[in-house]
Amino acid sequence: MADSIHSVKKTLRLMPKEAEELSGKAGQAKMCEADYLRLLITQKPNDYPEIRLLLKELINEVNVIGNNINQITRNYNSKLYRIEDRELLTAYMKKLNLLVRDVVSAVEGS
């Protein structure tokens, strides 16, 4: 019985080493080989589990840094601002920029 979604059947010839690599990469992604090939064809970064994990970690880190920036801003508005707060703010922004750069390079490298 033909699958109503995937109705076109393609035959693919691979060298033994290529077939082994395909099998290994599909296994690492916890996918069957057909699903893994479809993933490679569509090239949707959000489909990759490791990219989703990187983005989740980045979002969490941005939230933590945003909370710290809000505290510094509150101190500034209530005239409790210190020079150390400015240095912290600069450090947080540098950390945020590095995290975003790391995720972007990881996504581009995939």
PDB file of N, CA and C in Angstrom:
ATOM      1  N   MET A   1       0.848  -1.183   0.000  1.00  0.00           N
ATOM      2  CA  MET A   1       0.000   0.000   0.000  1.00  0.00           C
ATOM      3  C   MET A   1       0.884   1.234   0.000  1.00  0.00           C
ATOM      4  N   ALA A   2       0.646   2.123  -0.918  1.00  0.00           N
ATOM      5  CA  ALA A   2       1.471   3.318  -1.069  1.00  0.00           C
ATOM      6  C   ALA A   2       1.148   4.340   0.009  1.00  0.00           C
ATOM      7  N   ASP A   3       2.178   4.994   0.483  1.00  0.00           N
ATOM      8  CA  ASP A   3       2.029   6.062   1.465  1.00  0.00           C
ATOM      9  C   ASP A   3       1.416   7.272   0.765  1.00  0.00           C
ATOM     10  N   SER A   4       0.376   7.860   1.347  1.00  0.00           N
ATOM     11  CA  SER A   4      -0.311   8.969   0.688  1.00  0.00           C
ATOM     12  C   SER A   4       0.523  10.251   0.701  1.00  0.00           C
ATOM     13  N   ILE A   5       1.445  10.377   1.628  1.00  0.00           N
ATOM     14  CA  ILE A   5       2.268  11.585   1.697  1.00  0.00           C
ATOM     15  C   ILE A   5       3.509  11.441   0.823  1.00  0.00           C
ATOM     16  N   HIS A   6       4.227  10.354   0.984  1.00  0.00           N
ATOM     17  CA  HIS A   6       5.454  10.110   0.230  1.00  0.00           C
ATOM     18  C   HIS A   6       5.156   9.068  -0.842  1.00  0.00           C
ATOM     19  N   SER A   7       4.652   9.526  -1.976  1.00  0.00           N
ATOM     20  CA  SER A   7       4.199   8.579  -2.989  1.00  0.00           C
ATOM     21  C   SER A   7       5.213   8.334  -4.108  1.00  0.00           C
ATOM     22  N   VAL A   8       6.297   9.089  -4.166  1.00  0.00           N
ATOM     23  CA  VAL A   8       7.303   8.905  -5.206  1.00  0.00           C
ATOM     24  C   VAL A   8       8.456   8.095  -4.630  1.00  0.00           C
ATOM     25  N   LYS A   9       8.787   7.020  -5.306  1.00  0.00           N
ATOM     26  CA  LYS A   9       9.862   6.154  -4.839  1.00  0.00           C
ATOM     27  C   LYS A   9      11.105   6.413  -5.682  1.00  0.00           C
ATOM     28  N   LYS A  10      12.254   6.606  -5.028  1.00  0.00           N
ATOM     29  CA  LYS A  10      13.520   6.848  -5.708  1.00  0.00           C
ATOM     30  C   LYS A  10      14.511   5.764  -5.313  1.00  0.00           C
ATOM     31  N   THR A  11      15.303   5.336  -6.270  1.00  0.00           N
ATOM     32  CA  THR A  11      16.368   4.369  -5.996  1.00  0.00           C
ATOM     33  C   THR A  11      17.675   5.137  -5.943  1.00  0.00           C
ATOM     34  N   LEU A  12      18.489   4.810  -4.963  1.00  0.00           N
ATOM     35  CA  LEU A  12      19.730   5.544  -4.742  1.00  0.00           C
ATOM     36  C   LEU A  12      20.884   4.557  -4.686  1.00  0.00           C
ATOM     37  N   ARG A  13      21.926   4.832  -5.422  1.00  0.00           N
ATOM     38  CA  ARG A  13      23.109   3.968  -5.408  1.00  0.00           C
ATOM     39  C   ARG A  13      24.220   4.681  -4.652  1.00  0.00           C
ATOM     40  N   LEU A  14      24.804   3.969  -3.699  1.00  0.00           N
ATOM     41  CA  LEU A  14      25.886   4.527  -2.890  1.00  0.00           C
ATOM     42  C   LEU A  14      27.053   3.554  -2.844  1.00  0.00           C
ATOM     43  N   MET A  15      28.211   4.097  -2.618  1.00  0.00           N
ATOM     44  CA  MET A  15      29.380   3.271  -2.351  1.00  0.00           C
ATOM     45  C   MET A  15      29.211   2.710  -0.939  1.00  0.00           C
ATOM     46  N   PRO A  16      29.829   1.576  -0.624  1.00  0.00           N
ATOM     47  CA  PRO A  16      29.680   1.007   0.726  1.00  0.00           C
ATOM     48  C   PRO A  16      30.033   1.986   1.849  1.00  0.00           C
ATOM     49  N   LYS A  17      31.091   2.763   1.649  1.00  0.00           N
ATOM     50  CA  LYS A  17      31.492   3.739   2.670  1.00  0.00           C
ATOM     51  C   LYS A  17      30.425   4.827   2.834  1.00  0.00           C
ATOM     52  N   GLU A  18      29.847   5.257   1.719  1.00  0.00           N
ATOM     53  CA  GLU A  18      28.793   6.272   1.768  1.00  0.00           C
ATOM     54  C   GLU A  18      27.553   5.731   2.472  1.00  0.00           C
ATOM     55  N   ALA A  19      27.199   4.483   2.168  1.00  0.00           N
ATOM     56  CA  ALA A  19      26.030   3.862   2.799  1.00  0.00           C
ATOM     57  C   ALA A  19      26.245   3.738   4.302  1.00  0.00           C
ATOM     58  N   GLU A  20      27.463   3.391   4.692  1.00  0.00           N
ATOM     59  CA  GLU A  20      27.784   3.275   6.118  1.00  0.00           C
ATOM     60  C   GLU A  20      27.706   4.633   6.804  1.00  0.00           C
ATOM     61  N   GLU A  21      28.203   5.655   6.113  1.00  0.00           N
ATOM     62  CA  GLU A  21      28.150   7.014   6.677  1.00  0.00           C
ATOM     63  C   GLU A  21      26.707   7.494   6.819  1.00  0.00           C
ATOM     64  N   LEU A  22      25.884   7.238   5.806  1.00  0.00           N
ATOM     65  CA  LEU A  22      24.466   7.603   5.866  1.00  0.00           C
ATOM     66  C   LEU A  22      23.788   6.898   7.029  1.00  0.00           C
ATOM     67  N   SER A  23      24.043   5.621   7.167  1.00  0.00           N
ATOM     68  CA  SER A  23      23.446   4.857   8.258  1.00  0.00           C
ATOM     69  C   SER A  23      23.886   5.394   9.615  1.00  0.00           C
ATOM     70  N   GLY A  24      25.170   5.701   9.735  1.00  0.00           N
ATOM     71  CA  GLY A  24      25.688   6.221  11.001  1.00  0.00           C
ATOM     72  C   GLY A  24      25.106   7.574  11.362  1.00  0.00           C
ATOM     73  N   LYS A  25      25.048   8.486  10.382  1.00  0.00           N
ATOM     74  CA  LYS A  25      24.515   9.822  10.651  1.00  0.00           C
ATOM     75  C   LYS A  25      23.024   9.784  10.950  1.00  0.00           C
ATOM     76  N   ALA A  26      22.294   8.929  10.251  1.00  0.00           N
ATOM     77  CA  ALA A  26      20.864   8.787  10.527  1.00  0.00           C
ATOM     78  C   ALA A  26      20.666   8.221  11.931  1.00  0.00           C
ATOM     79  N   GLY A  27      21.510   7.266  12.311  1.00  0.00           N
ATOM     80  CA  GLY A  27      21.426   6.693  13.653  1.00  0.00           C
ATOM     81  C   GLY A  27      21.739   7.714  14.734  1.00  0.00           C
ATOM     82  N   GLN A  28      22.747   8.554  14.491  1.00  0.00           N
ATOM     83  CA  GLN A  28      23.093   9.606  15.456  1.00  0.00           C
ATOM     84  C   GLN A  28      21.938  10.581  15.636  1.00  0.00           C
ATOM     85  N   ALA A  29      21.239  10.863  14.547  1.00  0.00           N
ATOM     86  CA  ALA A  29      20.093  11.769  14.609  1.00  0.00           C
ATOM     87  C   ALA A  29      18.826  11.068  15.081  1.00  0.00           C
ATOM     88  N   LYS A  30      18.927   9.747  15.348  1.00  0.00           N
ATOM     89  CA  LYS A  30      17.782   8.939  15.781  1.00  0.00           C
ATOM     90  C   LYS A  30      16.645   9.019  14.764  1.00  0.00           C
ATOM     91  N   MET A  31      17.028   8.862  13.494  1.00  0.00           N
ATOM     92  CA  MET A  31      16.064   8.914  12.399  1.00  0.00           C
ATOM     93  C   MET A  31      16.321   7.734  11.478  1.00  0.00           C
ATOM     94  N   CYS A  32      15.287   7.366  10.708  1.00  0.00           N
ATOM     95  CA  CYS A  32      15.526   6.366   9.668  1.00  0.00           C
ATOM     96  C   CYS A  32      16.232   7.082   8.511  1.00  0.00           C
ATOM     97  N   GLU A  33      16.851   6.304   7.640  1.00  0.00           N
ATOM     98  CA  GLU A  33      17.645   6.899   6.569  1.00  0.00           C
ATOM     99  C   GLU A  33      16.801   7.769   5.638  1.00  0.00           C
ATOM    100  N   ALA A  34      15.576   7.354   5.345  1.00  0.00           N
ATOM    101  CA  ALA A  34      14.710   8.137   4.460  1.00  0.00           C
ATOM    102  C   ALA A  34      14.382   9.497   5.083  1.00  0.00           C
ATOM    103  N   ASP A  35      14.042   9.498   6.377  1.00  0.00           N
ATOM    104  CA  ASP A  35      13.741  10.764   7.051  1.00  0.00           C
ATOM    105  C   ASP A  35      14.976  11.654   7.107  1.00  0.00           C
ATOM    106  N   TYR A  36      16.143  11.051   7.326  1.00  0.00           N
ATOM    107  CA  TYR A  36      17.384  11.821   7.382  1.00  0.00           C
ATOM    108  C   TYR A  36      17.682  12.457   6.022  1.00  0.00           C
ATOM    109  N   LEU A  37      17.479  11.722   4.947  1.00  0.00           N
ATOM    110  CA  LEU A  37      17.694  12.279   3.607  1.00  0.00           C
ATOM    111  C   LEU A  37      16.707  13.411   3.325  1.00  0.00           C
ATOM    112  N   ARG A  38      15.451  13.240   3.747  1.00  0.00           N
ATOM    113  CA  ARG A  38      14.465  14.320   3.568  1.00  0.00           C
ATOM    114  C   ARG A  38      14.894  15.561   4.330  1.00  0.00           C
ATOM    115  N   LEU A  39      15.424  15.368   5.527  1.00  0.00           N
ATOM    116  CA  LEU A  39      15.910  16.482   6.336  1.00  0.00           C
ATOM    117  C   LEU A  39      17.031  17.215   5.610  1.00  0.00           C
ATOM    118  N   LEU A  40      17.961  16.472   5.032  1.00  0.00           N
ATOM    119  CA  LEU A  40      19.066  17.088   4.308  1.00  0.00           C
ATOM    120  C   LEU A  40      18.573  17.849   3.075  1.00  0.00           C
ATOM    121  N   ILE A  41      17.531  17.352   2.455  1.00  0.00           N
ATOM    122  CA  ILE A  41      16.991  18.022   1.268  1.00  0.00           C
ATOM    123  C   ILE A  41      16.319  19.335   1.651  1.00  0.00           C
ATOM    124  N   THR A  42      15.538  19.328   2.716  1.00  0.00           N
ATOM    125  CA  THR A  42      14.798  20.537   3.094  1.00  0.00           C
ATOM    126  C   THR A  42      15.694  21.581   3.735  1.00  0.00           C
ATOM    127  N   GLN A  43      16.773  21.151   4.415  1.00  0.00           N
ATOM    128  CA  GLN A  43      17.733  22.061   5.051  1.00  0.00           C
ATOM    129  C   GLN A  43      17.054  23.093   5.962  1.00  0.00           C
ATOM    130  N   LYS A  44      16.185  22.628   6.833  1.00  0.00           N
ATOM    131  CA  LYS A  44      15.551  23.498   7.819  1.00  0.00           C
ATOM    132  C   LYS A  44      16.350  23.402   9.110  1.00  0.00           C
ATOM    133  N   PRO A  45      17.066  24.454   9.491  1.00  0.00           N
ATOM    134  CA  PRO A  45      17.897  24.387  10.701  1.00  0.00           C
ATOM    135  C   PRO A  45      17.120  24.030  11.958  1.00  0.00           C
ATOM    136  N   ASN A  46      15.865  24.433  12.045  1.00  0.00           N
ATOM    137  CA  ASN A  46      15.086  24.131  13.247  1.00  0.00           C
ATOM    138  C   ASN A  46      14.802  22.642  13.389  1.00  0.00           C
ATOM    139  N   ASP A  47      14.971  21.880  12.305  1.00  0.00           N
ATOM    140  CA  ASP A  47      14.741  20.441  12.373  1.00  0.00           C
ATOM    141  C   ASP A  47      15.878  19.702  13.062  1.00  0.00           C
ATOM    142  N   TYR A  48      17.039  20.306  13.124  1.00  0.00           N
ATOM    143  CA  TYR A  48      18.198  19.643  13.710  1.00  0.00           C
ATOM    144  C   TYR A  48      18.135  19.736  15.233  1.00  0.00           C
ATOM    145  N   PRO A  49      18.173  18.611  15.933  1.00  0.00           N
ATOM    146  CA  PRO A  49      18.071  18.636  17.399  1.00  0.00           C
ATOM    147  C   PRO A  49      19.191  19.436  18.057  1.00  0.00           C
ATOM    148  N   GLU A  50      20.410  19.349  17.530  1.00  0.00           N
ATOM    149  CA  GLU A  50      21.501  20.075  18.165  1.00  0.00           C
ATOM    150  C   GLU A  50      21.343  21.584  18.010  1.00  0.00           C
ATOM    151  N   ILE A  51      20.741  22.028  16.915  1.00  0.00           N
ATOM    152  CA  ILE A  51      20.512  23.464  16.734  1.00  0.00           C
ATOM    153  C   ILE A  51      19.390  23.923  17.649  1.00  0.00           C
ATOM    154  N   ARG A  52      18.355  23.094  17.794  1.00  0.00           N
ATOM    155  CA  ARG A  52      17.286  23.453  18.735  1.00  0.00           C
ATOM    156  C   ARG A  52      17.825  23.591  20.150  1.00  0.00           C
ATOM    157  N   LEU A  53      18.724  22.688  20.533  1.00  0.00           N
ATOM    158  CA  LEU A  53      19.331  22.752  21.859  1.00  0.00           C
ATOM    159  C   LEU A  53      20.170  24.013  22.015  1.00  0.00           C
ATOM    160  N   LEU A  54      20.971  24.350  20.999  1.00  0.00           N
ATOM    161  CA  LEU A  54      21.774  25.571  21.049  1.00  0.00           C
ATOM    162  C   LEU A  54      20.884  26.809  21.186  1.00  0.00           C
ATOM    163  N   LEU A  55      19.802  26.836  20.417  1.00  0.00           N
ATOM    164  CA  LEU A  55      18.900  27.986  20.491  1.00  0.00           C
ATOM    165  C   LEU A  55      18.222  28.080  21.856  1.00  0.00           C
ATOM    166  N   LYS A  56      17.852  26.935  22.429  1.00  0.00           N
ATOM    167  CA  LYS A  56      17.232  26.931  23.749  1.00  0.00           C
ATOM    168  C   LYS A  56      18.212  27.462  24.793  1.00  0.00           C
ATOM    169  N   GLU A  57      19.472  27.007  24.725  1.00  0.00           N
ATOM    170  CA  GLU A  57      20.491  27.486  25.664  1.00  0.00           C
ATOM    171  C   GLU A  57      20.726  28.980  25.489  1.00  0.00           C
ATOM    172  N   LEU A  58      20.750  29.442  24.234  1.00  0.00           N
ATOM    173  CA  LEU A  58      20.943  30.864  23.972  1.00  0.00           C
ATOM    174  C   LEU A  58      19.796  31.685  24.544  1.00  0.00           C
ATOM    175  N   ILE A  59      18.577  31.227  24.355  1.00  0.00           N
ATOM    176  CA  ILE A  59      17.413  31.942  24.884  1.00  0.00           C
ATOM    177  C   ILE A  59      17.480  32.027  26.411  1.00  0.00           C
ATOM    178  N   ASN A  60      17.849  30.912  27.053  1.00  0.00           N
ATOM    179  CA  ASN A  60      17.965  30.930  28.513  1.00  0.00           C
ATOM    180  C   ASN A  60      19.039  31.909  28.965  1.00  0.00           C
ATOM    181  N   GLU A  61      20.172  31.915  28.288  1.00  0.00           N
ATOM    182  CA  GLU A  61      21.259  32.817  28.657  1.00  0.00           C
ATOM    183  C   GLU A  61      20.872  34.274  28.431  1.00  0.00           C
ATOM    184  N   VAL A  62      20.172  34.540  27.336  1.00  0.00           N
ATOM    185  CA  VAL A  62      19.699  35.907  27.066  1.00  0.00           C
ATOM    186  C   VAL A  62      18.735  36.352  28.157  1.00  0.00           C
ATOM    187  N   ASN A  63      17.870  35.448  28.613  1.00  0.00           N
ATOM    188  CA  ASN A  63      16.938  35.794  29.688  1.00  0.00           C
ATOM    189  C   ASN A  63      17.671  36.135  30.980  1.00  0.00           C
ATOM    190  N   VAL A  64      18.701  35.361  31.312  1.00  0.00           N
ATOM    191  CA  VAL A  64      19.484  35.628  32.527  1.00  0.00           C
ATOM    192  C   VAL A  64      20.188  36.976  32.418  1.00  0.00           C
ATOM    193  N   ILE A  65      20.817  37.210  31.263  1.00  0.00           N
ATOM    194  CA  ILE A  65      21.519  38.483  31.066  1.00  0.00           C
ATOM    195  C   ILE A  65      20.530  39.637  31.071  1.00  0.00           C
ATOM    196  N   GLY A  66      19.373  39.452  30.449  1.00  0.00           N
ATOM    197  CA  GLY A  66      18.346  40.497  30.448  1.00  0.00           C
ATOM    198  C   GLY A  66      17.880  40.830  31.852  1.00  0.00           C
ATOM    199  N   ASN A  67      17.745  39.824  32.697  1.00  0.00           N
ATOM    200  CA  ASN A  67      17.365  40.058  34.088  1.00  0.00           C
ATOM    201  C   ASN A  67      18.429  40.896  34.795  1.00  0.00           C
ATOM    202  N   ASN A  68      19.698  40.565  34.577  1.00  0.00           N
ATOM    203  CA  ASN A  68      20.784  41.326  35.195  1.00  0.00           C
ATOM    204  C   ASN A  68      20.815  42.767  34.690  1.00  0.00           C
ATOM    205  N   ILE A  69      20.575  42.953  33.403  1.00  0.00           N
ATOM    206  CA  ILE A  69      20.534  44.312  32.839  1.00  0.00           C
ATOM    207  C   ILE A  69      19.379  45.095  33.444  1.00  0.00           C
ATOM    208  N   ASN A  70      18.240  44.449  33.644  1.00  0.00           N
ATOM    209  CA  ASN A  70      17.094  45.135  34.276  1.00  0.00           C
ATOM    210  C   ASN A  70      17.428  45.575  35.699  1.00  0.00           C
ATOM    211  N   GLN A  71      18.139  44.755  36.449  1.00  0.00           N
ATOM    212  CA  GLN A  71      18.533  45.127  37.808  1.00  0.00           C
ATOM    213  C   GLN A  71      19.476  46.326  37.798  1.00  0.00           C
ATOM    214  N   ILE A  72      20.428  46.321  36.869  1.00  0.00           N
ATOM    215  CA  ILE A  72      21.356  47.448  36.766  1.00  0.00           C
ATOM    216  C   ILE A  72      20.600  48.726  36.394  1.00  0.00           C
ATOM    217  N   THR A  73      19.661  48.603  35.459  1.00  0.00           N
ATOM    218  CA  THR A  73      18.867  49.761  35.040  1.00  0.00           C
ATOM    219  C   THR A  73      18.019  50.279  36.194  1.00  0.00           C
ATOM    220  N   ARG A  74      17.434  49.367  36.980  1.00  0.00           N
ATOM    221  CA  ARG A  74      16.654  49.784  38.139  1.00  0.00           C
ATOM    222  C   ARG A  74      17.525  50.551  39.126  1.00  0.00           C
ATOM    223  N   ASN A  75      18.733  50.055  39.369  1.00  0.00           N
ATOM    224  CA  ASN A  75      19.652  50.758  40.262  1.00  0.00           C
ATOM    225  C   ASN A  75      20.014  52.139  39.722  1.00  0.00           C
ATOM    226  N   TYR A  76      20.201  52.237  38.423  1.00  0.00           N
ATOM    227  CA  TYR A  76      20.529  53.519  37.816  1.00  0.00           C
ATOM    228  C   TYR A  76      19.375  54.499  37.991  1.00  0.00           C
ATOM    229  N   ASN A  77      18.158  54.036  37.750  1.00  0.00           N
ATOM    230  CA  ASN A  77      16.986  54.906  37.866  1.00  0.00           C
ATOM    231  C   ASN A  77      16.732  55.343  39.307  1.00  0.00           C
ATOM    232  N   SER A  78      17.148  54.532  40.279  1.00  0.00           N
ATOM    233  CA  SER A  78      16.941  54.906  41.683  1.00  0.00           C
ATOM    234  C   SER A  78      18.191  55.561  42.283  1.00  0.00           C
ATOM    235  N   LYS A  79      19.101  55.998  41.425  1.00  0.00           N
ATOM    236  CA  LYS A  79      20.332  56.704  41.821  1.00  0.00           C
ATOM    237  C   LYS A  79      21.265  55.829  42.655  1.00  0.00           C
ATOM    238  N   LEU A  80      21.186  54.514  42.516  1.00  0.00           N
ATOM    239  CA  LEU A  80      22.085  53.609  43.220  1.00  0.00           C
ATOM    240  C   LEU A  80      23.144  53.048  42.272  1.00  0.00           C
ATOM    241  N   TYR A  81      23.289  53.676  41.128  1.00  0.00           N
ATOM    242  CA  TYR A  81      24.188  53.198  40.079  1.00  0.00           C
ATOM    243  C   TYR A  81      25.643  53.364  40.507  1.00  0.00           C
ATOM    244  N   ARG A  82      26.427  52.299  40.285  1.00  0.00           N
ATOM    245  CA  ARG A  82      27.851  52.331  40.620  1.00  0.00           C
ATOM    246  C   ARG A  82      28.665  52.122  39.342  1.00  0.00           C
ATOM    247  N   ILE A  83      29.931  52.474  39.396  1.00  0.00           N
ATOM    248  CA  ILE A  83      30.825  52.265  38.262  1.00  0.00           C
ATOM    249  C   ILE A  83      30.938  50.771  37.958  1.00  0.00           C
ATOM    250  N   GLU A  84      30.909  49.934  39.012  1.00  0.00           N
ATOM    251  CA  GLU A  84      30.989  48.486  38.808  1.00  0.00           C
ATOM    252  C   GLU A  84      29.805  47.970  37.989  1.00  0.00           C
ATOM    253  N   ASP A  85      28.648  48.635  38.153  1.00  0.00           N
ATOM    254  CA  ASP A  85      27.473  48.243  37.378  1.00  0.00           C
ATOM    255  C   ASP A  85      27.704  48.457  35.881  1.00  0.00           C
ATOM    256  N   ARG A  86      28.367  49.549  35.574  1.00  0.00           N
ATOM    257  CA  ARG A  86      28.667  49.829  34.168  1.00  0.00           C
ATOM    258  C   ARG A  86      29.607  48.767  33.603  1.00  0.00           C
ATOM    259  N   GLU A  87      30.598  48.374  34.382  1.00  0.00           N
ATOM    260  CA  GLU A  87      31.526  47.333  33.949  1.00  0.00           C
ATOM    261  C   GLU A  87      30.804  45.992  33.786  1.00  0.00           C
ATOM    262  N   LEU A  88      29.897  45.696  34.714  1.00  0.00           N
ATOM    263  CA  LEU A  88      29.101  44.466  34.609  1.00  0.00           C
ATOM    264  C   LEU A  88      28.239  44.479  33.351  1.00  0.00           C
ATOM    265  N   LEU A  89      27.630  45.620  33.103  1.00  0.00           N
ATOM    266  CA  LEU A  89      26.773  45.751  31.930  1.00  0.00           C
ATOM    267  C   LEU A  89      27.576  45.504  30.654  1.00  0.00           C
ATOM    268  N   THR A  90      28.768  46.061  30.588  1.00  0.00           N
ATOM    269  CA  THR A  90      29.633  45.854  29.430  1.00  0.00           C
ATOM    270  C   THR A  90      30.013  44.380  29.304  1.00  0.00           C
ATOM    271  N   ALA A  91      30.330  43.745  30.419  1.00  0.00           N
ATOM    272  CA  ALA A  91      30.699  42.320  30.398  1.00  0.00           C
ATOM    273  C   ALA A  91      29.524  41.463  29.938  1.00  0.00           C
ATOM    274  N   TYR A  92      28.318  41.776  30.417  1.00  0.00           N
ATOM    275  CA  TYR A  92      27.141  41.016  30.004  1.00  0.00           C
ATOM    276  C   TYR A  92      26.885  41.170  28.505  1.00  0.00           C
ATOM    277  N   MET A  93      27.043  42.364  27.999  1.00  0.00           N
ATOM    278  CA  MET A  93      26.812  42.579  26.574  1.00  0.00           C
ATOM    279  C   MET A  93      27.857  41.844  25.731  1.00  0.00           C
ATOM    280  N   LYS A  94      29.118  41.821  26.181  1.00  0.00           N
ATOM    281  CA  LYS A  94      30.149  41.075  25.462  1.00  0.00           C
ATOM    282  C   LYS A  94      29.826  39.577  25.473  1.00  0.00           C
ATOM    283  N   LYS A  95      29.391  39.075  26.641  1.00  0.00           N
ATOM    284  CA  LYS A  95      29.040  37.662  26.749  1.00  0.00           C
ATOM    285  C   LYS A  95      27.879  37.334  25.818  1.00  0.00           C
ATOM    286  N   LEU A  96      26.900  38.197  25.781  1.00  0.00           N
ATOM    287  CA  LEU A  96      25.744  37.994  24.908  1.00  0.00           C
ATOM    288  C   LEU A  96      26.166  37.968  23.446  1.00  0.00           C
ATOM    289  N   ASN A  97      27.025  38.894  23.058  1.00  0.00           N
ATOM    290  CA  ASN A  97      27.511  38.924  21.675  1.00  0.00           C
ATOM    291  C   ASN A  97      28.275  37.659  21.327  1.00  0.00           C
ATOM    292  N   LEU A  98      29.101  37.166  22.238  1.00  0.00           N
ATOM    293  CA  LEU A  98      29.855  35.931  21.999  1.00  0.00           C
ATOM    294  C   LEU A  98      28.922  34.734  21.857  1.00  0.00           C
ATOM    295  N   LEU A  99      27.910  34.655  22.718  1.00  0.00           N
ATOM    296  CA  LEU A  99      26.959  33.545  22.646  1.00  0.00           C
ATOM    297  C   LEU A  99      26.205  33.545  21.317  1.00  0.00           C
ATOM    298  N   VAL A 100      25.753  34.707  20.909  1.00  0.00           N
ATOM    299  CA  VAL A 100      25.022  34.804  19.640  1.00  0.00           C
ATOM    300  C   VAL A 100      25.948  34.431  18.486  1.00  0.00           C
ATOM    301  N   ARG A 101      27.192  34.903  18.518  1.00  0.00           N
ATOM    302  CA  ARG A 101      28.155  34.586  17.457  1.00  0.00           C
ATOM    303  C   ARG A 101      28.409  33.079  17.399  1.00  0.00           C
ATOM    304  N   ASP A 102      28.530  32.432  18.566  1.00  0.00           N
ATOM    305  CA  ASP A 102      28.761  30.981  18.602  1.00  0.00           C
ATOM    306  C   ASP A 102      27.595  30.215  17.992  1.00  0.00           C
ATOM    307  N   VAL A 103      26.380  30.619  18.335  1.00  0.00           N
ATOM    308  CA  VAL A 103      25.207  29.924  17.798  1.00  0.00           C
ATOM    309  C   VAL A 103      25.086  30.152  16.298  1.00  0.00           C
ATOM    310  N   VAL A 104      25.342  31.376  15.857  1.00  0.00           N
ATOM    311  CA  VAL A 104      25.265  31.657  14.416  1.00  0.00           C
ATOM    312  C   VAL A 104      26.299  30.835  13.653  1.00  0.00           C
ATOM    313  N   SER A 105      27.514  30.750  14.172  1.00  0.00           N
ATOM    314  CA  SER A 105      28.531  29.961  13.467  1.00  0.00           C
ATOM    315  C   SER A 105      28.188  28.475  13.498  1.00  0.00           C
ATOM    316  N   ALA A 106      27.578  28.010  14.580  1.00  0.00           N
ATOM    317  CA  ALA A 106      27.162  26.599  14.650  1.00  0.00           C
ATOM    318  C   ALA A 106      26.046  26.315  13.639  1.00  0.00           C
ATOM    319  N   VAL A 107      25.113  27.245  13.505  1.00  0.00           N
ATOM    320  CA  VAL A 107      24.008  27.059  12.564  1.00  0.00           C
ATOM    321  C   VAL A 107      24.523  27.110  11.135  1.00  0.00           C
ATOM    322  N   GLU A 108      25.437  28.035  10.848  1.00  0.00           N
ATOM    323  CA  GLU A 108      25.987  28.151   9.494  1.00  0.00           C
ATOM    324  C   GLU A 108      26.844  26.939   9.151  1.00  0.00           C
ATOM    325  N   GLY A 109      27.500  26.348  10.155  1.00  0.00           N
ATOM    326  CA  GLY A 109      28.351  25.196   9.924  1.00  0.00           C
ATOM    327  C   GLY A 109      27.590  23.910   9.712  1.00  0.00           C
ATOM    328  N   SER A 110      26.313  23.881  10.077  1.00  0.00           N
ATOM    329  CA  SER A 110      25.511  22.654   9.957  1.00  0.00           C
ATOM    330  C   SER A 110      25.131  22.357   8.540  1.00  0.00           C
TER     331      SER A 110
END
